Protein backbone atom coordinates (compact mmCIF):
# COMPACT_ATOMS: atom_id res chain seq x y z
CA MET A 1 117.97 -147.18 9.66
CA THR A 2 119.77 -144.81 10.78
CA GLY A 3 121.70 -144.89 14.71
CA LEU A 4 121.58 -141.52 16.73
CA MET A 5 124.60 -138.75 16.87
CA ILE A 6 126.39 -138.76 19.91
CA GLY A 7 124.63 -135.35 20.73
CA ASP A 8 120.98 -137.42 20.56
CA LEU A 9 122.44 -140.19 22.52
CA ALA A 10 124.01 -138.34 24.96
CA ARG A 11 120.67 -136.15 25.52
CA GLN A 12 118.74 -139.16 25.54
CA ALA A 13 121.03 -141.09 28.06
CA GLY A 14 121.22 -137.87 30.44
CA VAL A 15 126.01 -137.93 30.37
CA ALA A 16 128.17 -135.53 28.07
CA THR A 17 129.30 -136.57 25.04
CA SER A 18 133.04 -136.64 26.12
CA ALA A 19 131.73 -139.57 28.83
CA LEU A 20 130.52 -141.67 25.74
CA ARG A 21 133.75 -140.67 23.99
CA TYR A 22 135.91 -141.92 27.34
CA TYR A 23 133.05 -145.44 28.54
CA GLU A 24 134.37 -145.60 24.65
CA LYS A 25 138.22 -145.31 25.28
CA VAL A 26 137.87 -148.19 28.42
CA GLY A 27 136.36 -150.56 26.66
CA LEU A 28 133.30 -150.68 28.56
CA LEU A 29 131.03 -149.49 25.35
CA PRO A 30 131.46 -150.98 21.19
CA SER A 31 132.66 -148.53 19.26
CA PRO A 32 129.70 -147.29 17.13
CA ALA A 33 129.57 -147.48 13.21
CA ARG A 34 130.79 -144.37 11.24
CA ALA A 35 129.36 -142.83 8.40
CA SER A 36 131.12 -139.10 6.70
CA ASN A 37 133.55 -139.73 10.64
CA ARG A 38 130.90 -139.17 12.53
CA ARG A 39 130.34 -141.59 15.71
CA GLN A 40 126.43 -143.46 14.94
CA TYR A 41 125.41 -145.03 17.50
CA ASP A 42 123.11 -148.34 17.74
CA ARG A 43 119.90 -147.46 19.29
CA GLY A 44 120.48 -150.52 21.47
CA VAL A 45 123.26 -149.02 22.96
CA LEU A 46 121.49 -146.72 25.23
CA GLY A 47 120.90 -150.25 28.00
CA ARG A 48 124.41 -150.54 27.91
CA ILE A 49 125.26 -146.62 29.17
CA ARG A 50 121.87 -147.39 31.91
CA ILE A 51 123.88 -150.30 33.38
CA ILE A 52 127.66 -148.28 33.43
CA LEU A 53 125.74 -146.02 34.67
CA LEU A 54 123.75 -147.82 36.96
CA ALA A 55 127.04 -149.47 38.40
CA ARG A 56 128.94 -146.54 38.82
CA ASP A 57 126.02 -145.21 40.76
CA ALA A 58 126.68 -148.51 42.78
CA GLY A 59 130.39 -147.45 43.28
CA PHE A 60 131.42 -149.54 40.55
CA SER A 61 135.51 -148.34 39.82
CA ILE A 62 135.47 -148.13 35.94
CA SER A 63 137.44 -151.55 35.83
CA GLU A 64 135.14 -153.21 37.87
CA THR A 65 132.10 -152.11 35.83
CA ARG A 66 134.37 -153.05 32.73
CA ALA A 67 134.29 -157.03 34.49
CA PHE A 68 131.20 -156.54 35.15
CA LEU A 69 129.82 -156.31 31.48
CA ASN A 70 133.27 -158.65 29.42
CA GLY A 71 134.93 -160.55 32.63
CA PHE A 72 132.91 -162.78 33.24
CA PRO A 73 132.62 -166.42 30.56
CA VAL A 74 129.73 -166.07 27.35
CA GLY A 75 126.05 -166.53 28.61
CA THR A 76 127.21 -166.08 32.59
CA ARG A 77 123.36 -164.73 33.68
CA PRO A 78 123.52 -160.43 34.65
CA ALA A 79 121.97 -162.07 38.14
CA LEU A 80 124.88 -164.45 38.64
CA ARG A 81 127.57 -161.35 37.71
CA TRP A 82 126.12 -158.52 39.62
CA ARG A 83 125.49 -160.96 42.67
CA GLU A 84 129.07 -162.15 42.52
CA MET A 85 130.53 -157.75 41.74
CA ALA A 86 127.83 -156.95 44.98
CA LYS A 87 129.39 -159.58 46.87
CA ARG A 88 132.90 -158.33 46.54
CA LYS A 89 131.51 -154.17 47.41
CA ILE A 90 129.37 -155.23 49.67
CA ALA A 91 132.52 -156.52 51.23
CA GLU A 92 134.34 -153.13 50.78
CA LEU A 93 131.97 -150.86 51.80
CA ASP A 94 131.83 -153.44 54.90
CA GLU A 95 135.12 -152.27 55.88
CA LEU A 96 135.00 -148.65 54.46
CA THR A 97 132.08 -148.39 57.44
CA THR A 98 134.32 -149.56 60.13
CA ARG A 99 137.42 -147.43 59.27
CA LEU A 100 134.74 -144.52 58.41
CA SER A 101 133.22 -145.67 62.71
CA GLN A 102 137.17 -145.52 63.76
CA MET A 103 137.49 -142.06 62.39
CA ARG A 104 134.80 -140.47 64.55
CA SER A 105 135.73 -141.83 67.25
CA ILE A 106 138.78 -140.24 66.84
CA LEU A 107 137.18 -136.99 66.06
CA ASN A 108 135.17 -137.11 68.47
CA ALA A 109 137.54 -137.85 71.18
CA SER A 110 140.16 -134.88 69.80
CA PHE A 111 137.81 -132.50 70.06
CA GLN A 112 137.33 -132.95 73.87
CA CYS A 113 141.36 -132.67 74.26
CA GLU A 114 142.43 -129.73 77.08
CA CYS A 115 145.92 -129.90 76.25
CA ARG A 116 147.00 -126.37 77.22
CA ARG A 117 150.18 -126.47 74.37
CA LEU A 118 150.58 -128.57 71.07
CA GLU A 119 154.21 -129.75 72.48
CA ASP A 120 151.99 -131.75 75.27
CA CYS A 121 149.59 -133.14 72.87
CA GLU A 122 153.13 -133.50 70.78
CA ARG A 123 154.27 -135.53 73.79
CA LEU A 124 150.72 -137.66 74.38
CA LEU A 125 151.05 -138.62 71.01
CA ALA A 126 155.07 -139.59 70.91
CA ALA A 127 155.04 -141.82 74.12
CA ARG A 128 151.75 -143.66 72.44
CA THR A 129 153.60 -147.12 71.19
CA CYS A 130 150.61 -148.04 69.15
CA CYS A 131 149.71 -144.38 67.16
CA GLY A 132 151.05 -143.87 63.22
CA PRO A 133 151.14 -145.13 60.52
CA GLY A 134 152.37 -149.37 60.66
CA PRO A 135 150.73 -152.55 60.35
CA LYS A 136 146.94 -152.92 61.39
CA SER A 137 147.56 -155.10 64.79
CA ARG A 138 149.68 -152.26 66.08
CA ARG A 139 147.59 -149.42 65.34
CA VAL A 140 144.45 -148.20 68.19
CA SER A 141 142.53 -145.84 67.66
CA THR A 142 139.08 -146.26 69.55
CA ALA A 143 138.17 -142.98 70.99
CA SER A 144 138.96 -145.11 74.37
CA THR A 145 142.03 -144.77 74.18
CA ALA A 146 142.34 -141.66 73.11
CA LYS A 147 140.09 -140.91 75.81
CA ASP A 148 142.40 -142.52 78.57
CA SER A 149 145.67 -141.14 76.66
CA LEU A 150 143.70 -137.33 77.08
CA ALA A 151 143.16 -137.81 80.55
CA ARG A 152 146.43 -139.13 80.76
CA LEU A 153 147.98 -136.23 80.21
CA ARG A 154 145.25 -133.42 81.72
CA THR A 155 146.63 -135.25 85.44
CA LYS A 156 150.70 -134.47 84.55
CA PRO A 157 151.55 -130.69 85.06
CA ALA A 158 152.58 -128.99 81.94
CA PRO A 159 156.20 -128.37 82.43
CA PRO A 160 156.87 -124.77 82.58
CA ASN A 161 157.61 -122.22 79.37
């Protein structure tokens, strides 16, 4: 039985040949046999590629996908692997969702800025002890805080030019 040439496998899998070479290089695909220095893939590798693509679509990195494929004891059922990896990825997504919500709140509050000059915004932000990079415990990034700060700034007259 002859193996699949890289181009044929790429067409069947719906990926570029460069992706297959990359997956091989990073350890997601086993090195195929060679005939006349050409890769000859076993037809069974198509299933492995589908798992790699599924993991990619679920947001797993190359490193995480490699851990899924090779980082569990031999004989570990795929369902147990998926559950373990999914728990970690869902926790990551929860953190990202919280961060995205905070970002949306900041953007929504910022669009309500009524500062007349950039210097007014700078003064407002400089007066806040809870902004800028630093430990999360010191950062306040809710829309209500931003709105409160903007309201305080609006009540102060702008210094003359």
